[in-house]
Amino acid sequence: MVCRETTHPQAAARPVKPIIIEPEAEPGISEAFNWYEDQREGLGKDFMLCLEAAFTAARDRPASFPYAHSMTRRVIVRRFPYIVLFRDTPDATLIIGVFHSSRDPSRIRKRSR
């Protein structure tokens, strides 16, 4: 099973905001990709597809995800025990962190401020 993004039929008519991955989020993404790819070839690619679907959902439906702290929201990655922290701005969706769900909550809170 691979994660697929779904788009609403009317979504094509709206301008699409860019998704910007902040530099501090990149290590978490590459570490997770490498770990899953080491477990089984192709699993890292599956992780990335599910992560991209989470990014797209955050951009397309930001208000449907709970706040983690202040203006930072979180979305759970399907099939994988990861959460994405993001901020929705008028100009872009900012991905500020990708964390394993068993990560120390204080580290997650620190990033979400």
C-alpha atoms as a PDB file:
ATOM      1  CA  MET A   1       0.000   0.000   0.000  1.00  0.00           C
ATOM      2  CA  VAL A   2       1.390   3.357  -1.027  1.00  0.00           C
ATOM      3  CA  CYS A   3       0.188   6.716   0.246  1.00  0.00           C
ATOM      4  CA  ARG A   4      -1.438   8.805  -2.414  1.00  0.00           C
ATOM      5  CA  GLU A   5      -2.504  12.385  -2.208  1.00  0.00           C
ATOM      6  CA  THR A   6      -6.072  13.079  -3.113  1.00  0.00           C
ATOM      7  CA  THR A   7      -7.224  16.364  -4.491  1.00  0.00           C
ATOM      8  CA  HIS A   8     -10.653  17.822  -4.458  1.00  0.00           C
ATOM      9  CA  PRO A   9     -12.072  18.412  -7.968  1.00  0.00           C
ATOM     10  CA  GLN A  10     -12.269  22.164  -7.342  1.00  0.00           C
ATOM     11  CA  ALA A  11      -8.704  22.330  -6.029  1.00  0.00           C
ATOM     12  CA  ALA A  12      -7.265  22.735  -9.533  1.00  0.00           C
ATOM     13  CA  ALA A  13      -8.983  26.122  -9.875  1.00  0.00           C
ATOM     14  CA  ARG A  14      -7.171  27.586  -6.863  1.00  0.00           C
ATOM     15  CA  PRO A  15      -3.575  28.815  -6.925  1.00  0.00           C
ATOM     16  CA  VAL A  16      -1.334  26.389  -5.071  1.00  0.00           C
ATOM     17  CA  LYS A  17       0.834  27.662  -2.224  1.00  0.00           C
ATOM     18  CA  PRO A  18       4.396  26.355  -2.206  1.00  0.00           C
ATOM     19  CA  ILE A  19       5.533  23.877   0.418  1.00  0.00           C
ATOM     20  CA  ILE A  20       8.848  25.019   1.898  1.00  0.00           C
ATOM     21  CA  ILE A  21      10.953  22.583   3.900  1.00  0.00           C
ATOM     22  CA  GLU A  22      12.944  24.551   6.436  1.00  0.00           C
ATOM     23  CA  PRO A  23      16.632  23.547   6.765  1.00  0.00           C
ATOM     24  CA  GLU A  24      16.145  22.257  10.336  1.00  0.00           C
ATOM     25  CA  ALA A  25      13.602  19.691   9.053  1.00  0.00           C
ATOM     26  CA  GLU A  26      15.891  18.163   6.437  1.00  0.00           C
ATOM     27  CA  PRO A  27      18.049  15.972   8.750  1.00  0.00           C
ATOM     28  CA  GLY A  28      14.969  14.241  10.170  1.00  0.00           C
ATOM     29  CA  ILE A  29      13.723  13.480   6.685  1.00  0.00           C
ATOM     30  CA  SER A  30      17.000  12.088   5.362  1.00  0.00           C
ATOM     31  CA  GLU A  31      17.665  10.032   8.513  1.00  0.00           C
ATOM     32  CA  ALA A  32      14.220   8.421   8.305  1.00  0.00           C
ATOM     33  CA  PHE A  33      14.570   7.760   4.565  1.00  0.00           C
ATOM     34  CA  ASN A  34      17.971   6.111   5.047  1.00  0.00           C
ATOM     35  CA  TRP A  35      16.780   3.998   7.989  1.00  0.00           C
ATOM     36  CA  TYR A  36      13.737   2.685   6.103  1.00  0.00           C
ATOM     37  CA  GLU A  37      15.773   2.056   2.958  1.00  0.00           C
ATOM     38  CA  ASP A  38      18.291   0.048   5.049  1.00  0.00           C
ATOM     39  CA  GLN A  39      15.430  -2.064   6.402  1.00  0.00           C
ATOM     40  CA  ARG A  40      14.086  -2.938   2.964  1.00  0.00           C
ATOM     41  CA  GLU A  41      14.861  -1.600  -0.475  1.00  0.00           C
ATOM     42  CA  GLY A  42      12.019   0.635  -1.606  1.00  0.00           C
ATOM     43  CA  LEU A  43      10.651   1.240   1.887  1.00  0.00           C
ATOM     44  CA  GLY A  44      12.423   4.608   2.034  1.00  0.00           C
ATOM     45  CA  LYS A  45      10.672   5.572  -1.187  1.00  0.00           C
ATOM     46  CA  ASP A  46       7.325   4.510   0.336  1.00  0.00           C
ATOM     47  CA  PHE A  47       8.125   6.688   3.361  1.00  0.00           C
ATOM     48  CA  MET A  48       8.837   9.669   1.108  1.00  0.00           C
ATOM     49  CA  LEU A  49       5.549   9.190  -0.780  1.00  0.00           C
ATOM     50  CA  CYS A  50       3.623   9.139   2.507  1.00  0.00           C
ATOM     51  CA  LEU A  51       5.571  12.139   3.767  1.00  0.00           C
ATOM     52  CA  GLU A  52       4.772  14.074   0.585  1.00  0.00           C
ATOM     53  CA  ALA A  53       1.088  13.167   0.999  1.00  0.00           C
ATOM     54  CA  ALA A  54       1.238  14.568   4.562  1.00  0.00           C
ATOM     55  CA  PHE A  55       2.873  17.770   3.270  1.00  0.00           C
ATOM     56  CA  THR A  56       0.164  18.132   0.626  1.00  0.00           C
ATOM     57  CA  ALA A  57      -2.607  17.545   3.161  1.00  0.00           C
ATOM     58  CA  ALA A  58      -1.046  20.183   5.437  1.00  0.00           C
ATOM     59  CA  ARG A  59      -1.005  22.665   2.564  1.00  0.00           C
ATOM     60  CA  ASP A  60      -4.492  21.866   1.259  1.00  0.00           C
ATOM     61  CA  ARG A  61      -6.325  21.471   4.593  1.00  0.00           C
ATOM     62  CA  PRO A  62      -4.261  23.185   7.321  1.00  0.00           C
ATOM     63  CA  ALA A  63      -7.225  23.938   9.587  1.00  0.00           C
ATOM     64  CA  SER A  64      -8.072  20.236   9.837  1.00  0.00           C
ATOM     65  CA  PHE A  65      -4.906  19.511  11.855  1.00  0.00           C
ATOM     66  CA  PRO A  66      -4.482  20.265  15.563  1.00  0.00           C
ATOM     67  CA  TYR A  67      -2.112  22.824  16.979  1.00  0.00           C
ATOM     68  CA  ALA A  68       1.063  21.441  18.527  1.00  0.00           C
ATOM     69  CA  HIS A  69       1.999  24.826  19.989  1.00  0.00           C
ATOM     70  CA  SER A  70       1.135  28.440  19.250  1.00  0.00           C
ATOM     71  CA  MET A  71       0.917  28.749  15.427  1.00  0.00           C
ATOM     72  CA  THR A  72       2.443  25.338  14.718  1.00  0.00           C
ATOM     73  CA  ARG A  73       0.221  22.463  13.649  1.00  0.00           C
ATOM     74  CA  ARG A  74       0.965  18.763  13.346  1.00  0.00           C
ATOM     75  CA  VAL A  75      -0.021  16.065  10.898  1.00  0.00           C
ATOM     76  CA  ILE A  76       0.568  12.336  11.324  1.00  0.00           C
ATOM     77  CA  VAL A  77       2.251  10.494   8.462  1.00  0.00           C
ATOM     78  CA  ARG A  78       0.174   7.521   7.313  1.00  0.00           C
ATOM     79  CA  ARG A  79       1.779   4.049   7.603  1.00  0.00           C
ATOM     80  CA  PHE A  80       4.818   5.416   9.454  1.00  0.00           C
ATOM     81  CA  PRO A  81       5.234   6.550  13.076  1.00  0.00           C
ATOM     82  CA  TYR A  82       6.180  10.119  12.175  1.00  0.00           C
ATOM     83  CA  ILE A  83       4.660  13.520  12.694  1.00  0.00           C
ATOM     84  CA  VAL A  84       5.191  16.661  10.642  1.00  0.00           C
ATOM     85  CA  LEU A  85       5.204  20.085  12.273  1.00  0.00           C
ATOM     86  CA  PHE A  86       4.149  22.894   9.973  1.00  0.00           C
ATOM     87  CA  ARG A  87       3.073  26.515   9.906  1.00  0.00           C
ATOM     88  CA  ASP A  88       0.474  27.774   7.502  1.00  0.00           C
ATOM     89  CA  THR A  89       1.211  31.288   6.259  1.00  0.00           C
ATOM     90  CA  PRO A  90      -0.607  33.311   3.602  1.00  0.00           C
ATOM     91  CA  ASP A  91       2.278  32.727   1.168  1.00  0.00           C
ATOM     92  CA  ALA A  92       3.463  29.174   1.899  1.00  0.00           C
ATOM     93  CA  THR A  93       3.231  26.065   4.034  1.00  0.00           C
ATOM     94  CA  LEU A  94       6.416  25.868   6.107  1.00  0.00           C
ATOM     95  CA  ILE A  95       7.579  22.388   7.161  1.00  0.00           C
ATOM     96  CA  ILE A  96       9.558  22.996  10.333  1.00  0.00           C
ATOM     97  CA  GLY A  97      10.114  19.459  11.597  1.00  0.00           C
ATOM     98  CA  VAL A  98       9.687  15.750  10.900  1.00  0.00           C
ATOM     99  CA  PHE A  99       9.907  13.585  14.019  1.00  0.00           C
ATOM    100  CA  HIS A 100       9.509   9.967  14.991  1.00  0.00           C
ATOM    101  CA  SER A 101       6.450   9.799  17.242  1.00  0.00           C
ATOM    102  CA  SER A 102       8.441   8.242  20.084  1.00  0.00           C
ATOM    103  CA  ARG A 103      10.856  11.205  20.099  1.00  0.00           C
ATOM    104  CA  ASP A 104      11.257  13.184  23.312  1.00  0.00           C
ATOM    105  CA  PRO A 105       8.246  15.572  23.426  1.00  0.00           C
ATOM    106  CA  SER A 106      10.413  18.406  24.759  1.00  0.00           C
ATOM    107  CA  ARG A 107      12.493  18.306  21.570  1.00  0.00           C
ATOM    108  CA  ILE A 108       9.332  18.509  19.487  1.00  0.00           C
ATOM    109  CA  ARG A 109       7.985  21.392  21.605  1.00  0.00           C
ATOM    110  CA  LYS A 110      11.270  23.253  21.252  1.00  0.00           C
ATOM    111  CA  ARG A 111      11.059  23.091  17.444  1.00  0.00           C
ATOM    112  CA  SER A 112       7.410  24.153  17.383  1.00  0.00           C
ATOM    113  CA  ARG A 113       8.049  27.504  19.098  1.00  0.00           C
END
